[in-house]
Amino acid sequence: GLENNPDNFIEVPVIKGPVPTMIRETLNYLRINVVKERIQKPEDDERSIKVFNYPYQALEEAVVNALYQREPVEITVEPDKISILSYS
């Protein structure tokens, strides 16, 4: 991440357009590139355990709330956190 290693930085092109389009594209980017799933299969159980690194529903709520403020929003993804900064 940028905080611990300034050389480890990727800037995604700015997402522009109507608010619903920005929400859809932002969530799509986060779902594909950030949210990861790990499946654990216990030996003594027929069911698998699915674990996600970030809860998608929480990201969805935070992104929608930030973008509907109609102000610039900056989303920073670090190895241990996601920051959503609304300039309103």
PDB file of N, CA and C in Angstrom:
ATOM      1  N   GLY A   1       0.808  -1.197   0.000  1.00  0.00           N
ATOM      2  CA  GLY A   1       0.000   0.000   0.000  1.00  0.00           C
ATOM      3  C   GLY A   1       0.845   1.251   0.000  1.00  0.00           C
ATOM      4  N   LEU A   2       0.241   2.335  -0.355  1.00  0.00           N
ATOM      5  CA  LEU A   2       0.920   3.619  -0.464  1.00  0.00           C
ATOM      6  C   LEU A   2       1.459   4.098   0.874  1.00  0.00           C
ATOM      7  N   GLU A   3       0.738   3.839   1.961  1.00  0.00           N
ATOM      8  CA  GLU A   3       1.185   4.312   3.270  1.00  0.00           C
ATOM      9  C   GLU A   3       2.493   3.666   3.694  1.00  0.00           C
ATOM     10  N   ASN A   4       2.653   2.384   3.461  1.00  0.00           N
ATOM     11  CA  ASN A   4       3.867   1.670   3.872  1.00  0.00           C
ATOM     12  C   ASN A   4       4.933   1.646   2.793  1.00  0.00           C
ATOM     13  N   ASN A   5       4.530   1.727   1.534  1.00  0.00           N
ATOM     14  CA  ASN A   5       5.468   1.665   0.421  1.00  0.00           C
ATOM     15  C   ASN A   5       4.976   2.590  -0.686  1.00  0.00           C
ATOM     16  N   PRO A   6       5.509   3.815  -0.768  1.00  0.00           N
ATOM     17  CA  PRO A   6       5.036   4.781  -1.773  1.00  0.00           C
ATOM     18  C   PRO A   6       5.183   4.310  -3.222  1.00  0.00           C
ATOM     19  N   ASP A   7       6.037   3.308  -3.471  1.00  0.00           N
ATOM     20  CA  ASP A   7       6.190   2.799  -4.830  1.00  0.00           C
ATOM     21  C   ASP A   7       5.095   1.803  -5.209  1.00  0.00           C
ATOM     22  N   ASN A   8       4.333   1.321  -4.226  1.00  0.00           N
ATOM     23  CA  ASN A   8       3.262   0.360  -4.458  1.00  0.00           C
ATOM     24  C   ASN A   8       1.944   1.124  -4.587  1.00  0.00           C
ATOM     25  N   PHE A   9       1.714   1.702  -5.764  1.00  0.00           N
ATOM     26  CA  PHE A   9       0.570   2.589  -5.956  1.00  0.00           C
ATOM     27  C   PHE A   9       0.018   2.413  -7.368  1.00  0.00           C
ATOM     28  N   ILE A  10      -1.276   2.184  -7.456  1.00  0.00           N
ATOM     29  CA  ILE A  10      -1.955   2.094  -8.748  1.00  0.00           C
ATOM     30  C   ILE A  10      -3.095   3.095  -8.728  1.00  0.00           C
ATOM     31  N   GLU A  11      -3.126   3.962  -9.720  1.00  0.00           N
ATOM     32  CA  GLU A  11      -4.220   4.925  -9.806  1.00  0.00           C
ATOM     33  C   GLU A  11      -5.158   4.499 -10.930  1.00  0.00           C
ATOM     34  N   VAL A  12      -6.406   4.306 -10.584  1.00  0.00           N
ATOM     35  CA  VAL A  12      -7.426   3.904 -11.543  1.00  0.00           C
ATOM     36  C   VAL A  12      -7.982   5.165 -12.197  1.00  0.00           C
ATOM     37  N   PRO A  13      -8.290   5.125 -13.494  1.00  0.00           N
ATOM     38  CA  PRO A  13      -8.869   6.310 -14.131  1.00  0.00           C
ATOM     39  C   PRO A  13     -10.135   6.770 -13.404  1.00  0.00           C
ATOM     40  N   VAL A  14     -10.344   8.075 -13.423  1.00  0.00           N
ATOM     41  CA  VAL A  14     -11.507   8.673 -12.764  1.00  0.00           C
ATOM     42  C   VAL A  14     -12.785   8.136 -13.404  1.00  0.00           C
ATOM     43  N   ILE A  15     -13.741   7.790 -12.561  1.00  0.00           N
ATOM     44  CA  ILE A  15     -15.037   7.306 -13.039  1.00  0.00           C
ATOM     45  C   ILE A  15     -15.984   8.493 -13.065  1.00  0.00           C
ATOM     46  N   LYS A  16     -16.523   8.793 -14.236  1.00  0.00           N
ATOM     47  CA  LYS A  16     -17.407   9.947 -14.409  1.00  0.00           C
ATOM     48  C   LYS A  16     -18.733   9.500 -14.984  1.00  0.00           C
ATOM     49  N   GLY A  17     -19.720  10.390 -14.910  1.00  0.00           N
ATOM     50  CA  GLY A  17     -21.026  10.112 -15.486  1.00  0.00           C
ATOM     51  C   GLY A  17     -22.121  10.347 -14.472  1.00  0.00           C
ATOM     52  N   PRO A  18     -23.321   9.902 -14.801  1.00  0.00           N
ATOM     53  CA  PRO A  18     -24.425  10.010 -13.840  1.00  0.00           C
ATOM     54  C   PRO A  18     -24.125   9.170 -12.601  1.00  0.00           C
ATOM     55  N   VAL A  19     -24.705   9.559 -11.475  1.00  0.00           N
ATOM     56  CA  VAL A  19     -24.438   8.884 -10.204  1.00  0.00           C
ATOM     57  C   VAL A  19     -24.682   7.376 -10.285  1.00  0.00           C
ATOM     58  N   PRO A  20     -25.803   6.900 -10.852  1.00  0.00           N
ATOM     59  CA  PRO A  20     -25.992   5.444 -10.916  1.00  0.00           C
ATOM     60  C   PRO A  20     -24.886   4.728 -11.708  1.00  0.00           C
ATOM     61  N   THR A  21     -24.387   5.364 -12.755  1.00  0.00           N
ATOM     62  CA  THR A  21     -23.299   4.782 -13.543  1.00  0.00           C
ATOM     63  C   THR A  21     -22.021   4.732 -12.734  1.00  0.00           C
ATOM     64  N   MET A  22     -21.716   5.815 -12.008  1.00  0.00           N
ATOM     65  CA  MET A  22     -20.512   5.835 -11.182  1.00  0.00           C
ATOM     66  C   MET A  22     -20.587   4.777 -10.084  1.00  0.00           C
ATOM     67  N   ILE A  23     -21.763   4.619  -9.486  1.00  0.00           N
ATOM     68  CA  ILE A  23     -21.939   3.598  -8.443  1.00  0.00           C
ATOM     69  C   ILE A  23     -21.701   2.211  -9.025  1.00  0.00           C
ATOM     70  N   ARG A  24     -22.332   1.921 -10.151  1.00  0.00           N
ATOM     71  CA  ARG A  24     -22.214   0.598 -10.776  1.00  0.00           C
ATOM     72  C   ARG A  24     -20.759   0.302 -11.149  1.00  0.00           C
ATOM     73  N   GLU A  25     -20.069   1.268 -11.782  1.00  0.00           N
ATOM     74  CA  GLU A  25     -18.690   1.035 -12.205  1.00  0.00           C
ATOM     75  C   GLU A  25     -17.734   0.906 -11.015  1.00  0.00           C
ATOM     76  N   THR A  26     -17.962   1.715  -9.981  1.00  0.00           N
ATOM     77  CA  THR A  26     -17.115   1.635  -8.783  1.00  0.00           C
ATOM     78  C   THR A  26     -17.284   0.293  -8.093  1.00  0.00           C
ATOM     79  N   LEU A  27     -18.526  -0.122  -7.887  1.00  0.00           N
ATOM     80  CA  LEU A  27     -18.772  -1.407  -7.224  1.00  0.00           C
ATOM     81  C   LEU A  27     -18.276  -2.572  -8.066  1.00  0.00           C
ATOM     82  N   ASN A  28     -18.408  -2.472  -9.369  1.00  0.00           N
ATOM     83  CA  ASN A  28     -17.901  -3.515 -10.252  1.00  0.00           C
ATOM     84  C   ASN A  28     -16.378  -3.630 -10.117  1.00  0.00           C
ATOM     85  N   TYR A  29     -15.680  -2.488 -10.089  1.00  0.00           N
ATOM     86  CA  TYR A  29     -14.230  -2.502  -9.929  1.00  0.00           C
ATOM     87  C   TYR A  29     -13.845  -3.130  -8.590  1.00  0.00           C
ATOM     88  N   LEU A  30     -14.512  -2.708  -7.512  1.00  0.00           N
ATOM     89  CA  LEU A  30     -14.198  -3.253  -6.192  1.00  0.00           C
ATOM     90  C   LEU A  30     -14.493  -4.746  -6.117  1.00  0.00           C
ATOM     91  N   ARG A  31     -15.610  -5.172  -6.701  1.00  0.00           N
ATOM     92  CA  ARG A  31     -15.990  -6.596  -6.668  1.00  0.00           C
ATOM     93  C   ARG A  31     -14.967  -7.455  -7.405  1.00  0.00           C
ATOM     94  N   ILE A  32     -14.482  -6.977  -8.539  1.00  0.00           N
ATOM     95  CA  ILE A  32     -13.547  -7.755  -9.355  1.00  0.00           C
ATOM     96  C   ILE A  32     -12.121  -7.695  -8.809  1.00  0.00           C
ATOM     97  N   ASN A  33     -11.666  -6.517  -8.392  1.00  0.00           N
ATOM     98  CA  ASN A  33     -10.258  -6.319  -8.076  1.00  0.00           C
ATOM     99  C   ASN A  33      -9.911  -6.300  -6.592  1.00  0.00           C
ATOM    100  N   VAL A  34     -10.891  -6.109  -5.724  1.00  0.00           N
ATOM    101  CA  VAL A  34     -10.569  -5.944  -4.306  1.00  0.00           C
ATOM    102  C   VAL A  34     -11.175  -7.054  -3.445  1.00  0.00           C
ATOM    103  N   VAL A  35     -12.463  -7.309  -3.591  1.00  0.00           N
ATOM    104  CA  VAL A  35     -13.141  -8.295  -2.757  1.00  0.00           C
ATOM    105  C   VAL A  35     -12.726  -9.698  -3.210  1.00  0.00           C
ATOM    106  N   LYS A  36     -12.156 -10.444  -2.289  1.00  0.00           N
ATOM    107  CA  LYS A  36     -11.703 -11.800  -2.587  1.00  0.00           C
ATOM    108  C   LYS A  36     -12.381 -12.785  -1.642  1.00  0.00           C
ATOM    109  N   GLU A  37     -12.622 -13.979  -2.150  1.00  0.00           N
ATOM    110  CA  GLU A  37     -13.282 -15.030  -1.388  1.00  0.00           C
ATOM    111  C   GLU A  37     -12.303 -16.170  -1.135  1.00  0.00           C
ATOM    112  N   ARG A  38     -12.339 -16.675   0.078  1.00  0.00           N
ATOM    113  CA  ARG A  38     -11.545 -17.859   0.415  1.00  0.00           C
ATOM    114  C   ARG A  38     -12.510 -18.924   0.908  1.00  0.00           C
ATOM    115  N   ILE A  39     -12.383 -20.129   0.376  1.00  0.00           N
ATOM    116  CA  ILE A  39     -13.261 -21.233   0.749  1.00  0.00           C
ATOM    117  C   ILE A  39     -12.451 -22.234   1.553  1.00  0.00           C
ATOM    118  N   GLN A  40     -12.953 -22.522   2.742  1.00  0.00           N
ATOM    119  CA  GLN A  40     -12.323 -23.514   3.610  1.00  0.00           C
ATOM    120  C   GLN A  40     -13.222 -24.738   3.679  1.00  0.00           C
ATOM    121  N   LYS A  41     -12.640 -25.893   3.554  1.00  0.00           N
ATOM    122  CA  LYS A  41     -13.391 -27.147   3.619  1.00  0.00           C
ATOM    123  C   LYS A  41     -12.925 -27.925   4.839  1.00  0.00           C
ATOM    124  N   PRO A  42     -13.702 -27.848   5.936  1.00  0.00           N
ATOM    125  CA  PRO A  42     -13.335 -28.639   7.118  1.00  0.00           C
ATOM    126  C   PRO A  42     -13.408 -30.140   6.810  1.00  0.00           C
ATOM    127  N   GLU A  43     -12.498 -30.898   7.390  1.00  0.00           N
ATOM    128  CA  GLU A  43     -12.465 -32.338   7.140  1.00  0.00           C
ATOM    129  C   GLU A  43     -13.668 -33.065   7.733  1.00  0.00           C
ATOM    130  N   ASP A  44     -14.198 -32.541   8.836  1.00  0.00           N
ATOM    131  CA  ASP A  44     -15.279 -33.246   9.533  1.00  0.00           C
ATOM    132  C   ASP A  44     -16.671 -32.692   9.224  1.00  0.00           C
ATOM    133  N   ASP A  45     -16.803 -31.882   8.173  1.00  0.00           N
ATOM    134  CA  ASP A  45     -18.099 -31.289   7.830  1.00  0.00           C
ATOM    135  C   ASP A  45     -18.257 -31.295   6.314  1.00  0.00           C
ATOM    136  N   GLU A  46     -19.461 -31.592   5.848  1.00  0.00           N
ATOM    137  CA  GLU A  46     -19.697 -31.619   4.395  1.00  0.00           C
ATOM    138  C   GLU A  46     -19.870 -30.215   3.817  1.00  0.00           C
ATOM    139  N   ARG A  47     -20.094 -29.236   4.687  1.00  0.00           N
ATOM    140  CA  ARG A  47     -20.290 -27.860   4.215  1.00  0.00           C
ATOM    141  C   ARG A  47     -18.977 -27.096   4.197  1.00  0.00           C
ATOM    142  N   SER A  48     -18.826 -26.258   3.201  1.00  0.00           N
ATOM    143  CA  SER A  48     -17.658 -25.387   3.104  1.00  0.00           C
ATOM    144  C   SER A  48     -17.937 -24.077   3.826  1.00  0.00           C
ATOM    145  N   ILE A  49     -16.866 -23.415   4.240  1.00  0.00           N
ATOM    146  CA  ILE A  49     -16.974 -22.111   4.887  1.00  0.00           C
ATOM    147  C   ILE A  49     -16.401 -21.071   3.924  1.00  0.00           C
ATOM    148  N   LYS A  50     -17.232 -20.084   3.578  1.00  0.00           N
ATOM    149  CA  LYS A  50     -16.791 -19.009   2.685  1.00  0.00           C
ATOM    150  C   LYS A  50     -16.463 -17.782   3.522  1.00  0.00           C
ATOM    151  N   VAL A  51     -15.273 -17.225   3.285  1.00  0.00           N
ATOM    152  CA  VAL A  51     -14.820 -16.047   4.007  1.00  0.00           C
ATOM    153  C   VAL A  51     -14.382 -15.008   2.987  1.00  0.00           C
ATOM    154  N   PHE A  52     -14.835 -13.762   3.172  1.00  0.00           N
ATOM    155  CA  PHE A  52     -14.467 -12.670   2.275  1.00  0.00           C
ATOM    156  C   PHE A  52     -13.550 -11.702   3.013  1.00  0.00           C
ATOM    157  N   ASN A  53     -12.610 -11.088   2.280  1.00  0.00           N
ATOM    158  CA  ASN A  53     -11.703 -10.131   2.916  1.00  0.00           C
ATOM    159  C   ASN A  53     -12.419  -8.824   3.264  1.00  0.00           C
ATOM    160  N   TYR A  54     -13.448  -8.442   2.529  1.00  0.00           N
ATOM    161  CA  TYR A  54     -14.276  -7.269   2.832  1.00  0.00           C
ATOM    162  C   TYR A  54     -15.734  -7.637   2.583  1.00  0.00           C
ATOM    163  N   PRO A  55     -16.635  -7.202   3.447  1.00  0.00           N
ATOM    164  CA  PRO A  55     -18.054  -7.481   3.202  1.00  0.00           C
ATOM    165  C   PRO A  55     -18.579  -6.592   2.076  1.00  0.00           C
ATOM    166  N   TYR A  56     -19.012  -7.209   0.986  1.00  0.00           N
ATOM    167  CA  TYR A  56     -19.447  -6.454  -0.186  1.00  0.00           C
ATOM    168  C   TYR A  56     -20.625  -5.533   0.133  1.00  0.00           C
ATOM    169  N   GLN A  57     -21.568  -5.992   0.951  1.00  0.00           N
ATOM    170  CA  GLN A  57     -22.742  -5.174   1.261  1.00  0.00           C
ATOM    171  C   GLN A  57     -22.341  -3.891   1.985  1.00  0.00           C
ATOM    172  N   ALA A  58     -21.341  -3.950   2.842  1.00  0.00           N
ATOM    173  CA  ALA A  58     -20.868  -2.754   3.535  1.00  0.00           C
ATOM    174  C   ALA A  58     -20.198  -1.789   2.561  1.00  0.00           C
ATOM    175  N   LEU A  59     -19.405  -2.323   1.632  1.00  0.00           N
ATOM    176  CA  LEU A  59     -18.791  -1.478   0.610  1.00  0.00           C
ATOM    177  C   LEU A  59     -19.857  -0.823  -0.254  1.00  0.00           C
ATOM    178  N   GLU A  60     -20.867  -1.602  -0.617  1.00  0.00           N
ATOM    179  CA  GLU A  60     -21.954  -1.088  -1.439  1.00  0.00           C
ATOM    180  C   GLU A  60     -22.638   0.092  -0.746  1.00  0.00           C
ATOM    181  N   GLU A  61     -22.957  -0.060   0.511  1.00  0.00           N
ATOM    182  CA  GLU A  61     -23.620   1.009   1.260  1.00  0.00           C
ATOM    183  C   GLU A  61     -22.740   2.249   1.364  1.00  0.00           C
ATOM    184  N   ALA A  62     -21.464   2.070   1.671  1.00  0.00           N
ATOM    185  CA  ALA A  62     -20.555   3.200   1.825  1.00  0.00           C
ATOM    186  C   ALA A  62     -20.348   3.948   0.513  1.00  0.00           C
ATOM    187  N   VAL A  63     -20.201   3.212  -0.583  1.00  0.00           N
ATOM    188  CA  VAL A  63     -20.005   3.843  -1.894  1.00  0.00           C
ATOM    189  C   VAL A  63     -21.255   4.609  -2.305  1.00  0.00           C
ATOM    190  N   VAL A  64     -22.413   4.010  -2.156  1.00  0.00           N
ATOM    191  CA  VAL A  64     -23.669   4.681  -2.525  1.00  0.00           C
ATOM    192  C   VAL A  64     -23.846   5.952  -1.701  1.00  0.00           C
ATOM    193  N   ASN A  65     -23.635   5.867  -0.389  1.00  0.00           N
ATOM    194  CA  ASN A  65     -23.779   7.048   0.467  1.00  0.00           C
ATOM    195  C   ASN A  65     -22.814   8.156   0.059  1.00  0.00           C
ATOM    196  N   ALA A  66     -21.565   7.804  -0.227  1.00  0.00           N
ATOM    197  CA  ALA A  66     -20.567   8.814  -0.598  1.00  0.00           C
ATOM    198  C   ALA A  66     -20.886   9.450  -1.944  1.00  0.00           C
ATOM    199  N   LEU A  67     -21.266   8.646  -2.923  1.00  0.00           N
ATOM    200  CA  LEU A  67     -21.494   9.195  -4.266  1.00  0.00           C
ATOM    201  C   LEU A  67     -22.783   9.999  -4.374  1.00  0.00           C
ATOM    202  N   TYR A  68     -23.779   9.703  -3.558  1.00  0.00           N
ATOM    203  CA  TYR A  68     -25.007  10.486  -3.618  1.00  0.00           C
ATOM    204  C   TYR A  68     -24.869  11.851  -2.945  1.00  0.00           C
ATOM    205  N   GLN A  69     -23.710  12.149  -2.351  1.00  0.00           N
ATOM    206  CA  GLN A  69     -23.475  13.485  -1.807  1.00  0.00           C
ATOM    207  C   GLN A  69     -23.155  14.481  -2.918  1.00  0.00           C
ATOM    208  N   ARG A  70     -22.944  13.972  -4.138  1.00  0.00           N
ATOM    209  CA  ARG A  70     -22.666  14.781  -5.324  1.00  0.00           C
ATOM    210  C   ARG A  70     -21.419  15.653  -5.190  1.00  0.00           C
ATOM    211  N   GLU A  71     -20.477  15.181  -4.448  1.00  0.00           N
ATOM    212  CA  GLU A  71     -19.189  15.836  -4.283  1.00  0.00           C
ATOM    213  C   GLU A  71     -18.113  14.842  -4.724  1.00  0.00           C
ATOM    214  N   PRO A  72     -16.903  15.327  -5.008  1.00  0.00           N
ATOM    215  CA  PRO A  72     -15.838  14.384  -5.362  1.00  0.00           C
ATOM    216  C   PRO A  72     -15.604  13.365  -4.244  1.00  0.00           C
ATOM    217  N   VAL A  73     -15.349  12.130  -4.638  1.00  0.00           N
ATOM    218  CA  VAL A  73     -15.112  11.039  -3.703  1.00  0.00           C
ATOM    219  C   VAL A  73     -13.789  10.376  -4.079  1.00  0.00           C
ATOM    220  N   GLU A  74     -12.999  10.067  -3.065  1.00  0.00           N
ATOM    221  CA  GLU A  74     -11.725   9.371  -3.277  1.00  0.00           C
ATOM    222  C   GLU A  74     -11.760   8.068  -2.492  1.00  0.00           C
ATOM    223  N   ILE A  75     -11.494   6.968  -3.177  1.00  0.00           N
ATOM    224  CA  ILE A  75     -11.474   5.656  -2.537  1.00  0.00           C
ATOM    225  C   ILE A  75     -10.037   5.140  -2.577  1.00  0.00           C
ATOM    226  N   THR A  76      -9.513   4.822  -1.410  1.00  0.00           N
ATOM    227  CA  THR A  76      -8.152   4.322  -1.290  1.00  0.00           C
ATOM    228  C   THR A  76      -8.210   2.903  -0.734  1.00  0.00           C
ATOM    229  N   VAL A  77      -7.561   1.979  -1.437  1.00  0.00           N
ATOM    230  CA  VAL A  77      -7.514   0.584  -0.995  1.00  0.00           C
ATOM    231  C   VAL A  77      -6.101   0.296  -0.530  1.00  0.00           C
ATOM    232  N   GLU A  78      -5.979  -0.055   0.741  1.00  0.00           N
ATOM    233  CA  GLU A  78      -4.707  -0.454   1.339  1.00  0.00           C
ATOM    234  C   GLU A  78      -4.802  -1.947   1.647  1.00  0.00           C
ATOM    235  N   PRO A  79      -3.693  -2.613   1.935  1.00  0.00           N
ATOM    236  CA  PRO A  79      -3.757  -4.044   2.244  1.00  0.00           C
ATOM    237  C   PRO A  79      -4.658  -4.379   3.436  1.00  0.00           C
ATOM    238  N   ASP A  80      -4.787  -3.451   4.383  1.00  0.00           N
ATOM    239  CA  ASP A  80      -5.558  -3.751   5.591  1.00  0.00           C
ATOM    240  C   ASP A  80      -6.817  -2.904   5.773  1.00  0.00           C
ATOM    241  N   LYS A  81      -7.124  -2.031   4.805  1.00  0.00           N
ATOM    242  CA  LYS A  81      -8.314  -1.174   4.946  1.00  0.00           C
ATOM    243  C   LYS A  81      -8.699  -0.546   3.617  1.00  0.00           C
ATOM    244  N   ILE A  82      -9.935  -0.069   3.573  1.00  0.00           N
ATOM    245  CA  ILE A  82     -10.448   0.715   2.449  1.00  0.00           C
ATOM    246  C   ILE A  82     -10.956   2.023   3.030  1.00  0.00           C
ATOM    247  N   SER A  83     -10.487   3.138   2.487  1.00  0.00           N
ATOM    248  CA  SER A  83     -10.932   4.456   2.939  1.00  0.00           C
ATOM    249  C   SER A  83     -11.776   5.082   1.847  1.00  0.00           C
ATOM    250  N   ILE A  84     -12.935   5.618   2.230  1.00  0.00           N
ATOM    251  CA  ILE A  84     -13.805   6.328   1.287  1.00  0.00           C
ATOM    252  C   ILE A  84     -13.929   7.744   1.799  1.00  0.00           C
ATOM    253  N   LEU A  85     -13.343   8.682   1.070  1.00  0.00           N
ATOM    254  CA  LEU A  85     -13.305  10.085   1.474  1.00  0.00           C
ATOM    255  C   LEU A  85     -14.204  10.897   0.564  1.00  0.00           C
ATOM    256  N   SER A  86     -15.228  11.516   1.142  1.00  0.00           N
ATOM    257  CA  SER A  86     -16.110  12.407   0.409  1.00  0.00           C
ATOM    258  C   SER A  86     -15.711  13.822   0.746  1.00  0.00           C
ATOM    259  N   TYR A  87     -15.491  14.655  -0.257  1.00  0.00           N
ATOM    260  CA  TYR A  87     -15.008  16.018  -0.031  1.00  0.00           C
ATOM    261  C   TYR A  87     -16.126  16.986   0.335  1.00  0.00           C
ATOM    262  N   SER A  88     -17.312  16.478   0.682  1.00  0.00           N
ATOM    263  CA  SER A  88     -18.400  17.383   1.062  1.00  0.00           C
ATOM    264  C   SER A  88     -18.255  17.832   2.501  1.00  0.00           C
TER     265      SER A  88
END
